[in-house]
Structures are given as C-alpha cells and as structure tokens.
Amino acid sequence: MGPIAGARVGYVDGEYILNPTQDQVKEGQLDLVAAQRRLLDHLGIERLHAAVGGSLGGMQVLQWALEEPQRIERAVLVAASS
C-alpha cells in the first residue's frame, strides 16, 4: 500500500499507527525517552555532558530535563515546542 495523502504516522508501544491522536504522540515521545534511558543504563552511562535535540529531539531533551535533571549537565533545545 502506498502513502496516504495528508496522513501522519506515529510509533507507539512498538507499533506504527496511522493518524495518531495528540495523546498517542505524547505517549510515543515518552516511549523514545524510556528507550534512551534503558540504553544509557545498559551502557553504564550515568550522566550526559549535554543533550541536544531539534524539533522532536528537543521535546525529548525537555522530557529528560523534567524527569531526570540529575542525568543531564546541559540541555540544548532547538525549535522544540513545550
């Protein structure tokens, strides 16, 4: 099946979904931050010198700063909404 004009795709709970709601988009963002946290824990990285992100990445950096400020020395958000 080809792309659908005007459709958005989200990634929530390990699945791609078509036209996600705003709540599902937020949940997907939290999934990404949780996956990043698990990776850092697995690698034994306790603290980041800096977290930098633009757009969706910036929203993830903001989520990190809100949830675990002790793990990020510097947060740089570029063109991210709050």
N, C-alpha and C. Protein backbone atom coordinates (compact mmCIF):
# COMPACT_ATOMS: atom_id res chain seq x y z
N MET A 1 0.84 -1.17 0.00
CA MET A 1 0.00 0.00 0.00
C MET A 1 0.89 1.24 0.00
N GLY A 2 0.61 2.19 -0.85
CA GLY A 2 1.39 3.42 -0.96
C GLY A 2 1.00 4.43 0.11
N PRO A 3 1.70 5.55 0.13
CA PRO A 3 1.41 6.58 1.11
C PRO A 3 0.00 7.15 0.94
N ILE A 4 -0.58 7.61 2.02
CA ILE A 4 -1.91 8.21 2.01
C ILE A 4 -1.73 9.71 2.17
N ALA A 5 -2.25 10.49 1.24
CA ALA A 5 -2.07 11.95 1.26
C ALA A 5 -2.63 12.52 2.56
N GLY A 6 -1.83 13.33 3.24
CA GLY A 6 -2.27 14.00 4.44
C GLY A 6 -2.24 13.15 5.70
N ALA A 7 -1.83 11.91 5.59
CA ALA A 7 -1.82 11.02 6.75
C ALA A 7 -0.55 11.23 7.57
N ARG A 8 -0.65 11.03 8.86
CA ARG A 8 0.51 11.06 9.75
C ARG A 8 0.70 9.66 10.30
N VAL A 9 1.93 9.33 10.60
CA VAL A 9 2.24 8.03 11.17
C VAL A 9 2.93 8.24 12.50
N GLY A 10 2.51 7.50 13.51
CA GLY A 10 3.14 7.58 14.82
C GLY A 10 3.67 6.23 15.23
N TYR A 11 4.56 6.22 16.20
CA TYR A 11 5.14 4.98 16.72
C TYR A 11 4.85 4.93 18.21
N VAL A 12 3.95 4.04 18.60
CA VAL A 12 3.51 3.95 19.99
C VAL A 12 3.52 2.49 20.42
N ASP A 13 4.09 2.24 21.57
CA ASP A 13 4.15 0.88 22.13
C ASP A 13 4.69 -0.14 21.13
N GLY A 14 5.70 0.25 20.38
CA GLY A 14 6.36 -0.67 19.47
C GLY A 14 5.62 -0.91 18.17
N GLU A 15 4.57 -0.13 17.88
CA GLU A 15 3.80 -0.32 16.65
C GLU A 15 3.62 1.01 15.94
N TYR A 16 3.58 0.97 14.62
CA TYR A 16 3.29 2.15 13.84
C TYR A 16 1.77 2.28 13.73
N ILE A 17 1.26 3.50 13.94
CA ILE A 17 -0.17 3.73 13.82
C ILE A 17 -0.42 4.91 12.89
N LEU A 18 -1.55 4.87 12.19
CA LEU A 18 -1.91 5.90 11.24
C LEU A 18 -2.72 6.98 11.94
N ASN A 19 -2.39 8.24 11.69
CA ASN A 19 -3.09 9.39 12.26
C ASN A 19 -3.25 9.29 13.78
N PRO A 20 -2.16 9.29 14.52
CA PRO A 20 -2.24 9.18 15.98
C PRO A 20 -2.88 10.42 16.60
N THR A 21 -3.53 10.23 17.74
CA THR A 21 -4.08 11.36 18.48
C THR A 21 -2.93 12.08 19.19
N GLN A 22 -3.21 13.27 19.70
CA GLN A 22 -2.17 14.04 20.41
C GLN A 22 -1.66 13.27 21.63
N ASP A 23 -2.57 12.58 22.34
CA ASP A 23 -2.15 11.78 23.49
C ASP A 23 -1.24 10.64 23.07
N GLN A 24 -1.52 10.02 21.92
CA GLN A 24 -0.68 8.94 21.43
C GLN A 24 0.68 9.45 21.00
N VAL A 25 0.74 10.66 20.44
CA VAL A 25 2.03 11.24 20.07
C VAL A 25 2.87 11.47 21.33
N LYS A 26 2.27 12.01 22.37
CA LYS A 26 2.97 12.25 23.64
C LYS A 26 3.46 10.92 24.21
N GLU A 27 2.61 9.89 24.15
CA GLU A 27 2.99 8.57 24.65
C GLU A 27 4.17 8.01 23.86
N GLY A 28 4.18 8.24 22.54
CA GLY A 28 5.29 7.79 21.71
C GLY A 28 6.59 8.48 22.08
N GLN A 29 6.50 9.77 22.38
CA GLN A 29 7.68 10.52 22.81
C GLN A 29 8.22 9.94 24.12
N LEU A 30 7.33 9.60 25.03
CA LEU A 30 7.75 9.01 26.31
C LEU A 30 8.40 7.66 26.08
N ASP A 31 7.88 6.90 25.08
CA ASP A 31 8.49 5.61 24.73
C ASP A 31 9.93 5.81 24.28
N LEU A 32 10.18 6.83 23.47
CA LEU A 32 11.53 7.09 22.97
C LEU A 32 12.48 7.44 24.10
N VAL A 33 12.03 8.28 25.03
CA VAL A 33 12.87 8.66 26.17
C VAL A 33 13.14 7.44 27.05
N ALA A 34 12.14 6.61 27.25
CA ALA A 34 12.33 5.39 28.06
C ALA A 34 13.35 4.46 27.40
N ALA A 35 13.29 4.35 26.07
CA ALA A 35 14.25 3.51 25.35
C ALA A 35 15.67 4.07 25.47
N GLN A 36 15.78 5.40 25.38
CA GLN A 36 17.09 6.04 25.54
C GLN A 36 17.64 5.80 26.95
N ARG A 37 16.77 5.91 27.94
CA ARG A 37 17.18 5.69 29.32
C ARG A 37 17.68 4.25 29.52
N ARG A 38 16.95 3.30 28.96
CA ARG A 38 17.38 1.89 29.08
C ARG A 38 18.73 1.66 28.42
N LEU A 39 18.95 2.30 27.26
CA LEU A 39 20.24 2.15 26.57
C LEU A 39 21.37 2.73 27.41
N LEU A 40 21.19 3.94 27.95
CA LEU A 40 22.23 4.54 28.78
C LEU A 40 22.51 3.68 30.01
N ASP A 41 21.45 3.16 30.63
CA ASP A 41 21.63 2.29 31.79
C ASP A 41 22.42 1.03 31.41
N HIS A 42 22.06 0.45 30.27
CA HIS A 42 22.74 -0.76 29.79
C HIS A 42 24.23 -0.51 29.53
N LEU A 43 24.53 0.68 29.00
CA LEU A 43 25.91 1.03 28.70
C LEU A 43 26.68 1.54 29.93
N GLY A 44 25.97 1.69 31.03
CA GLY A 44 26.62 2.16 32.26
C GLY A 44 26.90 3.66 32.27
N ILE A 45 26.19 4.41 31.47
CA ILE A 45 26.36 5.86 31.41
C ILE A 45 25.40 6.50 32.40
N GLU A 46 25.95 7.11 33.44
CA GLU A 46 25.12 7.68 34.49
C GLU A 46 24.72 9.12 34.22
N ARG A 47 25.57 9.88 33.52
CA ARG A 47 25.31 11.31 33.33
C ARG A 47 25.82 11.74 31.95
N LEU A 48 25.05 12.60 31.30
CA LEU A 48 25.44 13.13 29.99
C LEU A 48 26.02 14.53 30.14
N HIS A 49 27.08 14.81 29.42
CA HIS A 49 27.65 16.15 29.41
C HIS A 49 26.65 17.13 28.81
N ALA A 50 25.97 16.72 27.75
CA ALA A 50 24.96 17.56 27.12
C ALA A 50 23.98 16.69 26.35
N ALA A 51 22.75 17.15 26.31
CA ALA A 51 21.73 16.54 25.46
C ALA A 51 21.25 17.63 24.52
N VAL A 52 21.34 17.37 23.21
CA VAL A 52 21.00 18.37 22.21
C VAL A 52 19.95 17.76 21.29
N GLY A 53 18.89 18.51 21.01
CA GLY A 53 17.88 17.99 20.11
C GLY A 53 17.08 19.10 19.46
N GLY A 54 16.72 18.88 18.22
CA GLY A 54 15.87 19.81 17.49
C GLY A 54 14.53 19.17 17.19
N SER A 55 13.48 19.95 17.23
CA SER A 55 12.13 19.51 16.94
C SER A 55 11.74 18.38 17.90
N LEU A 56 11.45 17.19 17.40
CA LEU A 56 11.08 16.08 18.28
C LEU A 56 12.22 15.75 19.25
N GLY A 57 13.46 15.83 18.78
CA GLY A 57 14.60 15.58 19.67
C GLY A 57 14.66 16.59 20.80
N GLY A 58 14.29 17.85 20.50
CA GLY A 58 14.25 18.87 21.53
C GLY A 58 13.19 18.58 22.57
N MET A 59 12.05 18.05 22.13
CA MET A 59 11.00 17.68 23.08
C MET A 59 11.46 16.52 23.97
N GLN A 60 12.27 15.62 23.39
CA GLN A 60 12.80 14.52 24.18
C GLN A 60 13.80 15.03 25.22
N VAL A 61 14.65 15.98 24.82
CA VAL A 61 15.59 16.59 25.76
C VAL A 61 14.82 17.26 26.90
N LEU A 62 13.75 17.95 26.56
CA LEU A 62 12.92 18.59 27.59
C LEU A 62 12.35 17.54 28.53
N GLN A 63 11.89 16.43 27.99
CA GLN A 63 11.34 15.35 28.83
C GLN A 63 12.41 14.81 29.76
N TRP A 64 13.63 14.63 29.24
CA TRP A 64 14.75 14.19 30.08
C TRP A 64 14.98 15.18 31.22
N ALA A 65 15.02 16.47 30.86
CA ALA A 65 15.29 17.51 31.86
C ALA A 65 14.20 17.54 32.93
N LEU A 66 12.98 17.24 32.56
CA LEU A 66 11.90 17.22 33.54
C LEU A 66 11.93 15.97 34.42
N GLU A 67 12.21 14.82 33.81
CA GLU A 67 12.16 13.56 34.54
C GLU A 67 13.42 13.26 35.33
N GLU A 68 14.58 13.54 34.76
CA GLU A 68 15.84 13.17 35.40
C GLU A 68 16.90 14.27 35.20
N PRO A 69 16.68 15.44 35.79
CA PRO A 69 17.63 16.54 35.60
C PRO A 69 19.03 16.22 36.10
N GLN A 70 19.16 15.32 37.03
CA GLN A 70 20.48 14.96 37.57
C GLN A 70 21.33 14.20 36.56
N ARG A 71 20.73 13.72 35.48
CA ARG A 71 21.49 12.93 34.49
C ARG A 71 21.98 13.77 33.32
N ILE A 72 21.59 15.05 33.25
CA ILE A 72 21.98 15.91 32.14
C ILE A 72 22.61 17.18 32.69
N GLU A 73 23.87 17.44 32.30
CA GLU A 73 24.53 18.67 32.73
C GLU A 73 24.00 19.87 31.97
N ARG A 74 23.78 19.73 30.66
CA ARG A 74 23.33 20.81 29.81
C ARG A 74 22.24 20.29 28.88
N ALA A 75 21.20 21.09 28.71
CA ALA A 75 20.13 20.73 27.78
C ALA A 75 20.02 21.83 26.72
N VAL A 76 20.12 21.44 25.45
CA VAL A 76 20.01 22.39 24.35
C VAL A 76 18.81 21.98 23.49
N LEU A 77 17.80 22.82 23.48
CA LEU A 77 16.60 22.57 22.70
C LEU A 77 16.58 23.53 21.52
N VAL A 78 16.35 22.99 20.32
CA VAL A 78 16.33 23.81 19.12
C VAL A 78 14.98 23.61 18.43
N ALA A 79 14.23 24.70 18.29
CA ALA A 79 12.95 24.67 17.59
C ALA A 79 12.02 23.57 18.10
N ALA A 80 11.88 23.50 19.43
CA ALA A 80 11.02 22.49 20.04
C ALA A 80 9.86 23.16 20.75
N SER A 81 8.70 22.53 20.70
CA SER A 81 7.56 23.06 21.44
C SER A 81 7.60 22.49 22.86
N SER A 82 6.82 23.08 23.74
CA SER A 82 6.84 22.59 25.12
C SER A 82 5.57 21.98 25.49
